């Protein structure tokens, strides 16, 4: 009997950027979708937060047991991504928050 490994090493493209809860969607080169529900360290979390849709990244994924088909990112290897600038006075970044509102016509 063969037991499937719960760890995957994949080259992926970010299809949906990380949201405020640490979730994001990655698509592998083999066209498999990974629903990321978090990361295993603050350093990985910070790197993932800087990625934008379309970014290419290599990740080590571990299955998030009890979370359906969710995955945690254990390690990430991404090209150097510029950090968003933080304004001194406001403490906010130049990166806009995703908006889920529809524009009125």
C-alpha atoms as a PDB file:
ATOM      1  CA  UNK A   1       0.000   0.000   0.000  1.00  0.00           C
ATOM      2  CA  UNK A   2       1.323   3.416  -0.945  1.00  0.00           C
ATOM      3  CA  UNK A   3       0.753   6.404   1.344  1.00  0.00           C
ATOM      4  CA  UNK A   4       0.681   9.838  -0.279  1.00  0.00           C
ATOM      5  CA  UNK A   5       3.192  12.297   1.104  1.00  0.00           C
ATOM      6  CA  UNK A   6       1.759  15.363   2.772  1.00  0.00           C
ATOM      7  CA  UNK A   7       4.716  17.517   1.654  1.00  0.00           C
ATOM      8  CA  UNK A   8       5.154  18.935  -1.848  1.00  0.00           C
ATOM      9  CA  UNK A   9       7.984  20.924  -3.447  1.00  0.00           C
ATOM     10  CA  UNK A  10       6.565  22.948  -6.346  1.00  0.00           C
ATOM     11  CA  UNK A  11       7.301  25.784  -8.731  1.00  0.00           C
ATOM     12  CA  UNK A  12       4.170  27.897  -8.772  1.00  0.00           C
ATOM     13  CA  UNK A  13       2.589  31.103 -10.004  1.00  0.00           C
ATOM     14  CA  UNK A  14       0.644  33.316  -7.621  1.00  0.00           C
ATOM     15  CA  UNK A  15      -2.911  33.519  -8.978  1.00  0.00           C
ATOM     16  CA  UNK A  16      -4.526  35.237  -5.978  1.00  0.00           C
ATOM     17  CA  UNK A  17      -2.405  37.433  -3.692  1.00  0.00           C
ATOM     18  CA  UNK A  18      -2.269  36.828   0.038  1.00  0.00           C
ATOM     19  CA  UNK A  19      -5.202  38.302   1.947  1.00  0.00           C
ATOM     20  CA  UNK A  20      -5.264  39.679   5.478  1.00  0.00           C
ATOM     21  CA  UNK A  21      -5.801  36.175   6.880  1.00  0.00           C
ATOM     22  CA  UNK A  22      -2.701  34.715   5.211  1.00  0.00           C
ATOM     23  CA  UNK A  23      -4.621  32.819   2.522  1.00  0.00           C
ATOM     24  CA  UNK A  24      -3.606  32.851  -1.130  1.00  0.00           C
ATOM     25  CA  UNK A  25      -3.870  30.695  -4.245  1.00  0.00           C
ATOM     26  CA  UNK A  26      -0.960  29.185  -6.151  1.00  0.00           C
ATOM     27  CA  UNK A  27      -0.980  27.271  -9.451  1.00  0.00           C
ATOM     28  CA  UNK A  28       1.771  24.744 -10.125  1.00  0.00           C
ATOM     29  CA  UNK A  29       3.553  24.208 -13.432  1.00  0.00           C
ATOM     30  CA  UNK A  30       1.541  20.943 -13.657  1.00  0.00           C
ATOM     31  CA  UNK A  31      -1.660  23.061 -13.526  1.00  0.00           C
ATOM     32  CA  UNK A  32      -2.642  22.035  -9.991  1.00  0.00           C
ATOM     33  CA  UNK A  33      -4.202  24.643  -7.714  1.00  0.00           C
ATOM     34  CA  UNK A  34      -3.025  24.968  -4.106  1.00  0.00           C
ATOM     35  CA  UNK A  35      -5.182  26.851  -1.611  1.00  0.00           C
ATOM     36  CA  UNK A  36      -2.667  28.226   0.885  1.00  0.00           C
ATOM     37  CA  UNK A  37      -4.185  28.798   4.332  1.00  0.00           C
ATOM     38  CA  UNK A  38      -1.069  30.010   6.131  1.00  0.00           C
ATOM     39  CA  UNK A  39       2.658  29.688   6.578  1.00  0.00           C
ATOM     40  CA  UNK A  40       4.896  27.965   9.082  1.00  0.00           C
ATOM     41  CA  UNK A  41       7.091  30.931  10.044  1.00  0.00           C
ATOM     42  CA  UNK A  42       6.980  34.735  10.183  1.00  0.00           C
ATOM     43  CA  UNK A  43       9.784  34.976   7.597  1.00  0.00           C
ATOM     44  CA  UNK A  44       7.816  32.881   5.097  1.00  0.00           C
ATOM     45  CA  UNK A  45       4.675  34.906   5.862  1.00  0.00           C
ATOM     46  CA  UNK A  46       6.535  38.163   5.150  1.00  0.00           C
ATOM     47  CA  UNK A  47       7.893  36.878   1.829  1.00  0.00           C
ATOM     48  CA  UNK A  48       4.467  35.643   0.708  1.00  0.00           C
ATOM     49  CA  UNK A  49       2.869  38.973   1.649  1.00  0.00           C
ATOM     50  CA  UNK A  50       5.167  40.782  -0.816  1.00  0.00           C
ATOM     51  CA  UNK A  51       4.241  38.597  -3.800  1.00  0.00           C
ATOM     52  CA  UNK A  52       1.822  39.883  -6.403  1.00  0.00           C
ATOM     53  CA  UNK A  53      -0.413  37.983  -8.822  1.00  0.00           C
ATOM     54  CA  UNK A  54       1.727  36.529 -11.603  1.00  0.00           C
ATOM     55  CA  UNK A  55       4.842  36.154  -9.423  1.00  0.00           C
ATOM     56  CA  UNK A  56       6.839  32.960  -9.950  1.00  0.00           C
ATOM     57  CA  UNK A  57       7.869  31.177  -6.747  1.00  0.00           C
ATOM     58  CA  UNK A  58       9.227  27.839  -5.534  1.00  0.00           C
ATOM     59  CA  UNK A  59       7.548  26.576  -2.370  1.00  0.00           C
ATOM     60  CA  UNK A  60       7.558  23.653   0.016  1.00  0.00           C
ATOM     61  CA  UNK A  61       3.940  22.913   0.912  1.00  0.00           C
ATOM     62  CA  UNK A  62       2.609  20.799   3.784  1.00  0.00           C
ATOM     63  CA  UNK A  63      -0.981  19.615   3.976  1.00  0.00           C
ATOM     64  CA  UNK A  64      -3.139  21.507   6.487  1.00  0.00           C
ATOM     65  CA  UNK A  65      -4.904  18.554   8.073  1.00  0.00           C
ATOM     66  CA  UNK A  66      -8.482  19.331   9.024  1.00  0.00           C
ATOM     67  CA  UNK A  67      -8.633  22.246   6.553  1.00  0.00           C
ATOM     68  CA  UNK A  68     -10.060  20.470   3.485  1.00  0.00           C
ATOM     69  CA  UNK A  69      -7.607  20.831   0.618  1.00  0.00           C
ATOM     70  CA  UNK A  70      -5.627  23.593   2.343  1.00  0.00           C
ATOM     71  CA  UNK A  71      -1.843  23.868   2.463  1.00  0.00           C
ATOM     72  CA  UNK A  72       0.737  25.638   4.623  1.00  0.00           C
ATOM     73  CA  UNK A  73       3.897  27.058   3.065  1.00  0.00           C
ATOM     74  CA  UNK A  74       6.897  25.683   4.974  1.00  0.00           C
ATOM     75  CA  UNK A  75       9.576  27.307   2.795  1.00  0.00           C
ATOM     76  CA  UNK A  76       9.620  29.771  -0.069  1.00  0.00           C
ATOM     77  CA  UNK A  77      12.228  30.711  -2.645  1.00  0.00           C
ATOM     78  CA  UNK A  78      11.161  33.818  -4.529  1.00  0.00           C
ATOM     79  CA  UNK A  79      13.112  36.324  -6.551  1.00  0.00           C
ATOM     80  CA  UNK A  80      13.843  39.410  -4.467  1.00  0.00           C
ATOM     81  CA  UNK A  81      10.601  41.309  -4.209  1.00  0.00           C
ATOM     82  CA  UNK A  82      10.617  44.998  -3.382  1.00  0.00           C
ATOM     83  CA  UNK A  83       8.948  45.797  -0.098  1.00  0.00           C
ATOM     84  CA  UNK A  84       6.130  48.298  -0.299  1.00  0.00           C
ATOM     85  CA  UNK A  85       7.157  51.705   0.987  1.00  0.00           C
ATOM     86  CA  UNK A  86       5.741  52.621   4.387  1.00  0.00           C
ATOM     87  CA  UNK A  87       4.770  56.250   4.848  1.00  0.00           C
ATOM     88  CA  UNK A  88       6.255  57.781   7.985  1.00  0.00           C
ATOM     89  CA  UNK A  89       3.201  59.745   9.080  1.00  0.00           C
ATOM     90  CA  UNK A  90       0.404  57.333   8.233  1.00  0.00           C
ATOM     91  CA  UNK A  91       2.149  53.979   8.724  1.00  0.00           C
ATOM     92  CA  UNK A  92       0.431  52.655   5.590  1.00  0.00           C
ATOM     93  CA  UNK A  93       1.964  51.109   2.496  1.00  0.00           C
ATOM     94  CA  UNK A  94       1.823  52.042  -1.170  1.00  0.00           C
ATOM     95  CA  UNK A  95       0.292  48.634  -1.893  1.00  0.00           C
ATOM     96  CA  UNK A  96      -3.458  49.038  -2.218  1.00  0.00           C
ATOM     97  CA  UNK A  97      -5.760  46.783  -0.246  1.00  0.00           C
ATOM     98  CA  UNK A  98      -7.850  44.503  -2.443  1.00  0.00           C
ATOM     99  CA  UNK A  99     -11.321  45.840  -2.921  1.00  0.00           C
ATOM    100  CA  UNK A 100     -14.319  43.570  -3.143  1.00  0.00           C
ATOM    101  CA  UNK A 101     -16.776  46.357  -3.822  1.00  0.00           C
ATOM    102  CA  UNK A 102     -18.272  46.763  -7.229  1.00  0.00           C
ATOM    103  CA  UNK A 103     -17.989  50.138  -8.852  1.00  0.00           C
ATOM    104  CA  UNK A 104     -21.277  51.902  -9.340  1.00  0.00           C
ATOM    105  CA  UNK A 105     -22.268  52.711 -12.869  1.00  0.00           C
END
